[in-house]
Amino acid sequence: MTIIQRYVGREFLKIFALCFGGLLGTYVLVDFFQRIDLFLNYPTPVRWKLLYFALKVPFFVFHITPVSLLVALLVTLGILNRNREITAV
């Protein structure tokens, strides 16, 4: 693996992690606020509510991953272009 591949990969993964974390947090918050009335009307232990969201995370990941990959790719290429690193390569 060349130095350029490691550099671009590291930059891409940093941006992907940031996009993925932000979108996952947003997705969980929106789902929480959509269901807050059910949580308040039907009292259940907090453990079950946390288990509900823990079991929904794979579903969220399935929907968020393609969008995060696309955004991370476009942002990475934009940053590389702004710094004129694509031309240098």
PDB file of N, CA and C in Angstrom:
ATOM      1  N   MET A   1       0.853  -1.174   0.000  1.00  0.00           N
ATOM      2  CA  MET A   1       0.000   0.000   0.000  1.00  0.00           C
ATOM      3  C   MET A   1       0.901   1.240   0.000  1.00  0.00           C
ATOM      4  N   THR A   2       0.628   2.131  -0.914  1.00  0.00           N
ATOM      5  CA  THR A   2       1.474   3.313  -1.038  1.00  0.00           C
ATOM      6  C   THR A   2       1.098   4.367  -0.003  1.00  0.00           C
ATOM      7  N   ILE A   3       1.948   5.344   0.118  1.00  0.00           N
ATOM      8  CA  ILE A   3       1.722   6.422   1.070  1.00  0.00           C
ATOM      9  C   ILE A   3       0.473   7.214   0.695  1.00  0.00           C
ATOM     10  N   ILE A   4       0.274   7.411  -0.602  1.00  0.00           N
ATOM     11  CA  ILE A   4      -0.895   8.176  -1.061  1.00  0.00           C
ATOM     12  C   ILE A   4      -2.186   7.441  -0.721  1.00  0.00           C
ATOM     13  N   GLN A   5      -2.224   6.131  -0.905  1.00  0.00           N
ATOM     14  CA  GLN A   5      -3.418   5.361  -0.580  1.00  0.00           C
ATOM     15  C   GLN A   5      -3.726   5.423   0.910  1.00  0.00           C
ATOM     16  N   ARG A   6      -2.694   5.331   1.739  1.00  0.00           N
ATOM     17  CA  ARG A   6      -2.909   5.418   3.187  1.00  0.00           C
ATOM     18  C   ARG A   6      -3.419   6.802   3.570  1.00  0.00           C
ATOM     19  N   TYR A   7      -2.849   7.835   2.969  1.00  0.00           N
ATOM     20  CA  TYR A   7      -3.262   9.205   3.286  1.00  0.00           C
ATOM     21  C   TYR A   7      -4.719   9.455   2.901  1.00  0.00           C
ATOM     22  N   VAL A   8      -5.069   9.102   1.671  1.00  0.00           N
ATOM     23  CA  VAL A   8      -6.452   9.324   1.204  1.00  0.00           C
ATOM     24  C   VAL A   8      -7.417   8.453   1.997  1.00  0.00           C
ATOM     25  N   GLY A   9      -7.032   7.210   2.284  1.00  0.00           N
ATOM     26  CA  GLY A   9      -7.888   6.331   3.076  1.00  0.00           C
ATOM     27  C   GLY A   9      -8.125   6.862   4.480  1.00  0.00           C
ATOM     28  N   ARG A  10      -7.072   7.380   5.100  1.00  0.00           N
ATOM     29  CA  ARG A  10      -7.207   7.940   6.449  1.00  0.00           C
ATOM     30  C   ARG A  10      -8.122   9.157   6.441  1.00  0.00           C
ATOM     31  N   GLU A  11      -7.948  10.030   5.463  1.00  0.00           N
ATOM     32  CA  GLU A  11      -8.809  11.213   5.357  1.00  0.00           C
ATOM     33  C   GLU A  11     -10.268  10.812   5.112  1.00  0.00           C
ATOM     34  N   PHE A  12     -10.460   9.828   4.233  1.00  0.00           N
ATOM     35  CA  PHE A  12     -11.816   9.368   3.938  1.00  0.00           C
ATOM     36  C   PHE A  12     -12.471   8.766   5.180  1.00  0.00           C
ATOM     37  N   LEU A  13     -11.749   7.940   5.916  1.00  0.00           N
ATOM     38  CA  LEU A  13     -12.327   7.295   7.095  1.00  0.00           C
ATOM     39  C   LEU A  13     -12.663   8.300   8.194  1.00  0.00           C
ATOM     40  N   LYS A  14     -11.858   9.342   8.332  1.00  0.00           N
ATOM     41  CA  LYS A  14     -12.178  10.371   9.327  1.00  0.00           C
ATOM     42  C   LYS A  14     -13.496  11.055   8.979  1.00  0.00           C
ATOM     43  N   ILE A  15     -13.641  11.426   7.726  1.00  0.00           N
ATOM     44  CA  ILE A  15     -14.860  12.115   7.302  1.00  0.00           C
ATOM     45  C   ILE A  15     -16.054  11.167   7.345  1.00  0.00           C
ATOM     46  N   PHE A  16     -15.847   9.905   6.955  1.00  0.00           N
ATOM     47  CA  PHE A  16     -16.935   8.925   7.010  1.00  0.00           C
ATOM     48  C   PHE A  16     -17.413   8.713   8.443  1.00  0.00           C
ATOM     49  N   ALA A  17     -16.478   8.598   9.379  1.00  0.00           N
ATOM     50  CA  ALA A  17     -16.861   8.401  10.782  1.00  0.00           C
ATOM     51  C   ALA A  17     -17.655   9.588  11.304  1.00  0.00           C
ATOM     52  N   LEU A  18     -17.254  10.774  10.923  1.00  0.00           N
ATOM     53  CA  LEU A  18     -17.978  11.969  11.351  1.00  0.00           C
ATOM     54  C   LEU A  18     -19.384  12.005  10.755  1.00  0.00           C
ATOM     55  N   CYS A  19     -19.511  11.733   9.468  1.00  0.00           N
ATOM     56  CA  CYS A  19     -20.828  11.715   8.809  1.00  0.00           C
ATOM     57  C   CYS A  19     -21.708  10.611   9.380  1.00  0.00           C
ATOM     58  N   PHE A  20     -21.126   9.426   9.545  1.00  0.00           N
ATOM     59  CA  PHE A  20     -21.894   8.283  10.029  1.00  0.00           C
ATOM     60  C   PHE A  20     -22.403   8.521  11.446  1.00  0.00           C
ATOM     61  N   GLY A  21     -21.527   9.015  12.309  1.00  0.00           N
ATOM     62  CA  GLY A  21     -21.934   9.289  13.686  1.00  0.00           C
ATOM     63  C   GLY A  21     -23.008  10.356  13.775  1.00  0.00           C
ATOM     64  N   GLY A  22     -22.853  11.409  12.987  1.00  0.00           N
ATOM     65  CA  GLY A  22     -23.860  12.474  12.991  1.00  0.00           C
ATOM     66  C   GLY A  22     -25.206  12.003  12.478  1.00  0.00           C
ATOM     67  N   LEU A  23     -25.196  11.247  11.387  1.00  0.00           N
ATOM     68  CA  LEU A  23     -26.462  10.750  10.847  1.00  0.00           C
ATOM     69  C   LEU A  23     -27.111   9.723  11.765  1.00  0.00           C
ATOM     70  N   LEU A  24     -26.304   8.865  12.383  1.00  0.00           N
ATOM     71  CA  LEU A  24     -26.863   7.868  13.301  1.00  0.00           C
ATOM     72  C   LEU A  24     -27.473   8.552  14.515  1.00  0.00           C
ATOM     73  N   GLY A  25     -26.783   9.547  15.058  1.00  0.00           N
ATOM     74  CA  GLY A  25     -27.332  10.288  16.193  1.00  0.00           C
ATOM     75  C   GLY A  25     -28.623  11.002  15.832  1.00  0.00           C
ATOM     76  N   THR A  26     -28.659  11.593  14.650  1.00  0.00           N
ATOM     77  CA  THR A  26     -29.871  12.276  14.196  1.00  0.00           C
ATOM     78  C   THR A  26     -31.014  11.294  14.013  1.00  0.00           C
ATOM     79  N   TYR A  27     -30.713  10.147  13.423  1.00  0.00           N
ATOM     80  CA  TYR A  27     -31.735   9.126  13.178  1.00  0.00           C
ATOM     81  C   TYR A  27     -32.322   8.634  14.501  1.00  0.00           C
ATOM     82  N   VAL A  28     -31.475   8.387  15.505  1.00  0.00           N
ATOM     83  CA  VAL A  28     -31.945   7.911  16.810  1.00  0.00           C
ATOM     84  C   VAL A  28     -32.769   8.986  17.508  1.00  0.00           C
ATOM     85  N   LEU A  29     -32.319  10.239  17.442  1.00  0.00           N
ATOM     86  CA  LEU A  29     -33.077  11.319  18.072  1.00  0.00           C
ATOM     87  C   LEU A  29     -34.446  11.503  17.436  1.00  0.00           C
ATOM     88  N   VAL A  30     -34.514  11.451  16.124  1.00  0.00           N
ATOM     89  CA  VAL A  30     -35.803  11.607  15.448  1.00  0.00           C
ATOM     90  C   VAL A  30     -36.736  10.462  15.834  1.00  0.00           C
ATOM     91  N   ASP A  31     -36.227   9.232  15.869  1.00  0.00           N
ATOM     92  CA  ASP A  31     -37.057   8.095  16.260  1.00  0.00           C
ATOM     93  C   ASP A  31     -37.502   8.216  17.714  1.00  0.00           C
ATOM     94  N   PHE A  32     -36.616   8.715  18.574  1.00  0.00           N
ATOM     95  CA  PHE A  32     -36.980   8.902  19.980  1.00  0.00           C
ATOM     96  C   PHE A  32     -38.118   9.910  20.118  1.00  0.00           C
ATOM     97  N   PHE A  33     -37.999  11.044  19.421  1.00  0.00           N
ATOM     98  CA  PHE A  33     -39.040  12.062  19.549  1.00  0.00           C
ATOM     99  C   PHE A  33     -40.340  11.652  18.866  1.00  0.00           C
ATOM    100  N   GLN A  34     -40.286  10.760  17.902  1.00  0.00           N
ATOM    101  CA  GLN A  34     -41.519  10.251  17.311  1.00  0.00           C
ATOM    102  C   GLN A  34     -42.239   9.319  18.270  1.00  0.00           C
ATOM    103  N   ARG A  35     -41.507   8.648  19.127  1.00  0.00           N
ATOM    104  CA  ARG A  35     -42.105   7.654  20.019  1.00  0.00           C
ATOM    105  C   ARG A  35     -42.178   8.106  21.470  1.00  0.00           C
ATOM    106  N   ILE A  36     -41.875   9.353  21.765  1.00  0.00           N
ATOM    107  CA  ILE A  36     -41.840   9.809  23.147  1.00  0.00           C
ATOM    108  C   ILE A  36     -43.217   9.734  23.798  1.00  0.00           C
ATOM    109  N   ASP A  37     -44.283   9.976  23.029  1.00  0.00           N
ATOM    110  CA  ASP A  37     -45.624   9.883  23.613  1.00  0.00           C
ATOM    111  C   ASP A  37     -45.959   8.457  24.021  1.00  0.00           C
ATOM    112  N   LEU A  38     -45.510   7.466  23.251  1.00  0.00           N
ATOM    113  CA  LEU A  38     -45.730   6.070  23.641  1.00  0.00           C
ATOM    114  C   LEU A  38     -44.940   5.717  24.899  1.00  0.00           C
ATOM    115  N   PHE A  39     -43.736   6.235  24.994  1.00  0.00           N
ATOM    116  CA  PHE A  39     -42.913   5.954  26.169  1.00  0.00           C
ATOM    117  C   PHE A  39     -43.501   6.580  27.424  1.00  0.00           C
ATOM    118  N   LEU A  40     -44.147   7.731  27.277  1.00  0.00           N
ATOM    119  CA  LEU A  40     -44.722   8.397  28.439  1.00  0.00           C
ATOM    120  C   LEU A  40     -46.087   7.803  28.812  1.00  0.00           C
ATOM    121  N   ASN A  41     -46.867   7.393  27.825  1.00  0.00           N
ATOM    122  CA  ASN A  41     -48.205   6.861  28.101  1.00  0.00           C
ATOM    123  C   ASN A  41     -48.171   5.436  28.648  1.00  0.00           C
ATOM    124  N   TYR A  42     -47.211   4.645  28.242  1.00  0.00           N
ATOM    125  CA  TYR A  42     -47.109   3.262  28.687  1.00  0.00           C
ATOM    126  C   TYR A  42     -45.805   3.093  29.456  1.00  0.00           C
ATOM    127  N   PRO A  43     -45.884   3.233  30.774  1.00  0.00           N
ATOM    128  CA  PRO A  43     -44.643   3.172  31.557  1.00  0.00           C
ATOM    129  C   PRO A  43     -44.026   1.767  31.523  1.00  0.00           C
ATOM    130  N   THR A  44     -42.808   1.711  31.080  1.00  0.00           N
ATOM    131  CA  THR A  44     -42.026   0.477  31.061  1.00  0.00           C
ATOM    132  C   THR A  44     -40.657   0.793  31.643  1.00  0.00           C
ATOM    133  N   PRO A  45     -39.922  -0.222  32.036  1.00  0.00           N
ATOM    134  CA  PRO A  45     -38.583   0.052  32.565  1.00  0.00           C
ATOM    135  C   PRO A  45     -37.684   0.708  31.509  1.00  0.00           C
ATOM    136  N   VAL A  46     -36.784   1.527  31.976  1.00  0.00           N
ATOM    137  CA  VAL A  46     -35.855   2.228  31.082  1.00  0.00           C
ATOM    138  C   VAL A  46     -35.000   1.224  30.319  1.00  0.00           C
ATOM    139  N   ARG A  47     -34.717   0.098  30.941  1.00  0.00           N
ATOM    140  CA  ARG A  47     -33.922  -0.949  30.302  1.00  0.00           C
ATOM    141  C   ARG A  47     -34.573  -1.403  29.008  1.00  0.00           C
ATOM    142  N   TRP A  48     -35.890  -1.540  28.982  1.00  0.00           N
ATOM    143  CA  TRP A  48     -36.587  -1.977  27.770  1.00  0.00           C
ATOM    144  C   TRP A  48     -36.543  -0.907  26.687  1.00  0.00           C
ATOM    145  N   LYS A  49     -36.633   0.343  27.109  1.00  0.00           N
ATOM    146  CA  LYS A  49     -36.567   1.439  26.135  1.00  0.00           C
ATOM    147  C   LYS A  49     -35.189   1.495  25.487  1.00  0.00           C
ATOM    148  N   LEU A  50     -34.145   1.325  26.287  1.00  0.00           N
ATOM    149  CA  LEU A  50     -32.787   1.305  25.736  1.00  0.00           C
ATOM    150  C   LEU A  50     -32.575   0.079  24.855  1.00  0.00           C
ATOM    151  N   LEU A  51     -33.158  -1.050  25.247  1.00  0.00           N
ATOM    152  CA  LEU A  51     -33.061  -2.261  24.436  1.00  0.00           C
ATOM    153  C   LEU A  51     -33.767  -2.063  23.092  1.00  0.00           C
ATOM    154  N   TYR A  52     -34.866  -1.345  23.098  1.00  0.00           N
ATOM    155  CA  TYR A  52     -35.584  -1.048  21.852  1.00  0.00           C
ATOM    156  C   TYR A  52     -34.668  -0.323  20.871  1.00  0.00           C
ATOM    157  N   PHE A  53     -33.994   0.720  21.345  1.00  0.00           N
ATOM    158  CA  PHE A  53     -33.113   1.478  20.463  1.00  0.00           C
ATOM    159  C   PHE A  53     -31.871   0.677  20.087  1.00  0.00           C
ATOM    160  N   ALA A  54     -31.367  -0.133  20.996  1.00  0.00           N
ATOM    161  CA  ALA A  54     -30.198  -0.963  20.674  1.00  0.00           C
ATOM    162  C   ALA A  54     -30.525  -1.970  19.573  1.00  0.00           C
ATOM    163  N   LEU A  55     -31.732  -2.494  19.589  1.00  0.00           N
ATOM    164  CA  LEU A  55     -32.122  -3.456  18.570  1.00  0.00           C
ATOM    165  C   LEU A  55     -32.495  -2.789  17.242  1.00  0.00           C
ATOM    166  N   LYS A  56     -32.787  -1.495  17.262  1.00  0.00           N
ATOM    167  CA  LYS A  56     -33.089  -0.778  16.021  1.00  0.00           C
ATOM    168  C   LYS A  56     -31.844  -0.233  15.340  1.00  0.00           C
ATOM    169  N   VAL A  57     -30.706  -0.223  16.028  1.00  0.00           N
ATOM    170  CA  VAL A  57     -29.476   0.328  15.452  1.00  0.00           C
ATOM    171  C   VAL A  57     -29.077  -0.385  14.164  1.00  0.00           C
ATOM    172  N   PRO A  58     -29.122  -1.733  14.061  1.00  0.00           N
ATOM    173  CA  PRO A  58     -28.765  -2.344  12.768  1.00  0.00           C
ATOM    174  C   PRO A  58     -29.649  -1.869  11.611  1.00  0.00           C
ATOM    175  N   PHE A  59     -30.909  -1.636  11.864  1.00  0.00           N
ATOM    176  CA  PHE A  59     -31.813  -1.107  10.850  1.00  0.00           C
ATOM    177  C   PHE A  59     -31.379   0.294  10.434  1.00  0.00           C
ATOM    178  N   PHE A  60     -31.029   1.111  11.418  1.00  0.00           N
ATOM    179  CA  PHE A  60     -30.560   2.460  11.129  1.00  0.00           C
ATOM    180  C   PHE A  60     -29.264   2.418  10.329  1.00  0.00           C
ATOM    181  N   VAL A  61     -28.345   1.547  10.709  1.00  0.00           N
ATOM    182  CA  VAL A  61     -27.051   1.439  10.031  1.00  0.00           C
ATOM    183  C   VAL A  61     -27.257   1.049   8.570  1.00  0.00           C
ATOM    184  N   PHE A  62     -28.197   0.152   8.324  1.00  0.00           N
ATOM    185  CA  PHE A  62     -28.489  -0.287   6.962  1.00  0.00           C
ATOM    186  C   PHE A  62     -28.921   0.879   6.078  1.00  0.00           C
ATOM    187  N   HIS A  63     -29.683   1.810   6.642  1.00  0.00           N
ATOM    188  CA  HIS A  63     -30.172   2.943   5.863  1.00  0.00           C
ATOM    189  C   HIS A  63     -29.169   4.094   5.786  1.00  0.00           C
ATOM    190  N   ILE A  64     -28.313   4.228   6.768  1.00  0.00           N
ATOM    191  CA  ILE A  64     -27.412   5.372   6.844  1.00  0.00           C
ATOM    192  C   ILE A  64     -26.113   5.149   6.084  1.00  0.00           C
ATOM    193  N   THR A  65     -25.622   3.925   6.011  1.00  0.00           N
ATOM    194  CA  THR A  65     -24.306   3.652   5.431  1.00  0.00           C
ATOM    195  C   THR A  65     -24.149   4.166   3.998  1.00  0.00           C
ATOM    196  N   PRO A  66     -25.072   3.907   3.071  1.00  0.00           N
ATOM    197  CA  PRO A  66     -24.866   4.417   1.696  1.00  0.00           C
ATOM    198  C   PRO A  66     -24.792   5.939   1.627  1.00  0.00           C
ATOM    199  N   VAL A  67     -25.619   6.613   2.388  1.00  0.00           N
ATOM    200  CA  VAL A  67     -25.617   8.078   2.371  1.00  0.00           C
ATOM    201  C   VAL A  67     -24.307   8.600   2.958  1.00  0.00           C
ATOM    202  N   SER A  68     -23.858   7.991   4.037  1.00  0.00           N
ATOM    203  CA  SER A  68     -22.599   8.413   4.662  1.00  0.00           C
ATOM    204  C   SER A  68     -21.419   8.189   3.733  1.00  0.00           C
ATOM    205  N   LEU A  69     -21.410   7.060   3.033  1.00  0.00           N
ATOM    206  CA  LEU A  69     -20.322   6.793   2.092  1.00  0.00           C
ATOM    207  C   LEU A  69     -20.291   7.827   0.977  1.00  0.00           C
ATOM    208  N   LEU A  70     -21.441   8.150   0.425  1.00  0.00           N
ATOM    209  CA  LEU A  70     -21.498   9.118  -0.661  1.00  0.00           C
ATOM    210  C   LEU A  70     -21.062  10.499  -0.195  1.00  0.00           C
ATOM    211  N   VAL A  71     -21.569  10.936   0.940  1.00  0.00           N
ATOM    212  CA  VAL A  71     -21.201  12.256   1.453  1.00  0.00           C
ATOM    213  C   VAL A  71     -19.711  12.309   1.779  1.00  0.00           C
ATOM    214  N   ALA A  72     -19.190  11.253   2.410  1.00  0.00           N
ATOM    215  CA  ALA A  72     -17.765  11.226   2.757  1.00  0.00           C
ATOM    216  C   ALA A  72     -16.899  11.256   1.498  1.00  0.00           C
ATOM    217  N   LEU A  73     -17.306  10.544   0.469  1.00  0.00           N
ATOM    218  CA  LEU A  73     -16.544  10.548  -0.778  1.00  0.00           C
ATOM    219  C   LEU A  73     -16.524  11.934  -1.411  1.00  0.00           C
ATOM    220  N   LEU A  74     -17.678  12.571  -1.488  1.00  0.00           N
ATOM    221  CA  LEU A  74     -17.744  13.896  -2.100  1.00  0.00           C
ATOM    222  C   LEU A  74     -16.967  14.932  -1.288  1.00  0.00           C
ATOM    223  N   VAL A  75     -17.070  14.867   0.024  1.00  0.00           N
ATOM    224  CA  VAL A  75     -16.344  15.823   0.864  1.00  0.00           C
ATOM    225  C   VAL A  75     -14.845  15.583   0.773  1.00  0.00           C
ATOM    226  N   THR A  76     -14.421  14.323   0.775  1.00  0.00           N
ATOM    227  CA  THR A  76     -12.991  14.014   0.668  1.00  0.00           C
ATOM    228  C   THR A  76     -12.429  14.516  -0.655  1.00  0.00           C
ATOM    229  N   LEU A  77     -13.121  14.239  -1.750  1.00  0.00           N
ATOM    230  CA  LEU A  77     -12.652  14.731  -3.045  1.00  0.00           C
ATOM    231  C   LEU A  77     -12.660  16.252  -3.104  1.00  0.00           C
ATOM    232  N   GLY A  78     -13.633  16.874  -2.482  1.00  0.00           N
ATOM    233  CA  GLY A  78     -13.677  18.333  -2.444  1.00  0.00           C
ATOM    234  C   GLY A  78     -12.516  18.922  -1.668  1.00  0.00           C
ATOM    235  N   ILE A  79     -12.192  18.312  -0.537  1.00  0.00           N
ATOM    236  CA  ILE A  79     -11.056  18.802   0.257  1.00  0.00           C
ATOM    237  C   ILE A  79      -9.748  18.590  -0.490  1.00  0.00           C
ATOM    238  N   LEU A  80      -9.594  17.420  -1.110  1.00  0.00           N
ATOM    239  CA  LEU A  80      -8.379  17.166  -1.878  1.00  0.00           C
ATOM    240  C   LEU A  80      -8.257  18.141  -3.053  1.00  0.00           C
ATOM    241  N   ASN A  81      -9.360  18.458  -3.678  1.00  0.00           N
ATOM    242  CA  ASN A  81      -9.346  19.403  -4.797  1.00  0.00           C
ATOM    243  C   ASN A  81      -9.041  20.823  -4.317  1.00  0.00           C
ATOM    244  N   ARG A  82      -9.609  21.213  -3.189  1.00  0.00           N
ATOM    245  CA  ARG A  82      -9.381  22.559  -2.659  1.00  0.00           C
ATOM    246  C   ARG A  82      -7.910  22.772  -2.312  1.00  0.00           C
ATOM    247  N   ASN A  83      -7.272  21.725  -1.780  1.00  0.00           N
ATOM    248  CA  ASN A  83      -5.861  21.817  -1.426  1.00  0.00           C
ATOM    249  C   ASN A  83      -4.944  21.499  -2.610  1.00  0.00           C
ATOM    250  N   ARG A  84      -5.519  21.264  -3.765  1.00  0.00           N
ATOM    251  CA  ARG A  84      -4.806  20.948  -5.000  1.00  0.00           C
ATOM    252  C   ARG A  84      -3.936  19.687  -4.874  1.00  0.00           C
ATOM    253  N   GLU A  85      -4.432  18.756  -4.063  1.00  0.00           N
ATOM    254  CA  GLU A  85      -3.695  17.493  -3.882  1.00  0.00           C
ATOM    255  C   GLU A  85      -3.973  16.502  -5.007  1.00  0.00           C
ATOM    256  N   ILE A  86      -5.144  16.611  -5.637  1.00  0.00           N
ATOM    257  CA  ILE A  86      -5.465  15.731  -6.771  1.00  0.00           C
ATOM    258  C   ILE A  86      -4.546  16.070  -7.945  1.00  0.00           C
ATOM    259  N   THR A  87      -4.335  17.361  -8.165  1.00  0.00           N
ATOM    260  CA  THR A  87      -3.432  17.780  -9.236  1.00  0.00           C
ATOM    261  C   THR A  87      -2.004  17.314  -8.961  1.00  0.00           C
ATOM    262  N   ALA A  88      -1.604  17.362  -7.717  1.00  0.00           N
ATOM    263  CA  ALA A  88      -0.235  16.965  -7.359  1.00  0.00           C
ATOM    264  C   ALA A  88      -0.010  15.477  -7.579  1.00  0.00           C
ATOM    265  N   VAL A  89      -1.047  14.684  -7.370  1.00  0.00           N
ATOM    266  CA  VAL A  89      -0.900  13.237  -7.554  1.00  0.00           C
ATOM    267  C   VAL A  89      -0.759  12.947  -9.031  1.00  0.00           C
TER     268      VAL A  89
END
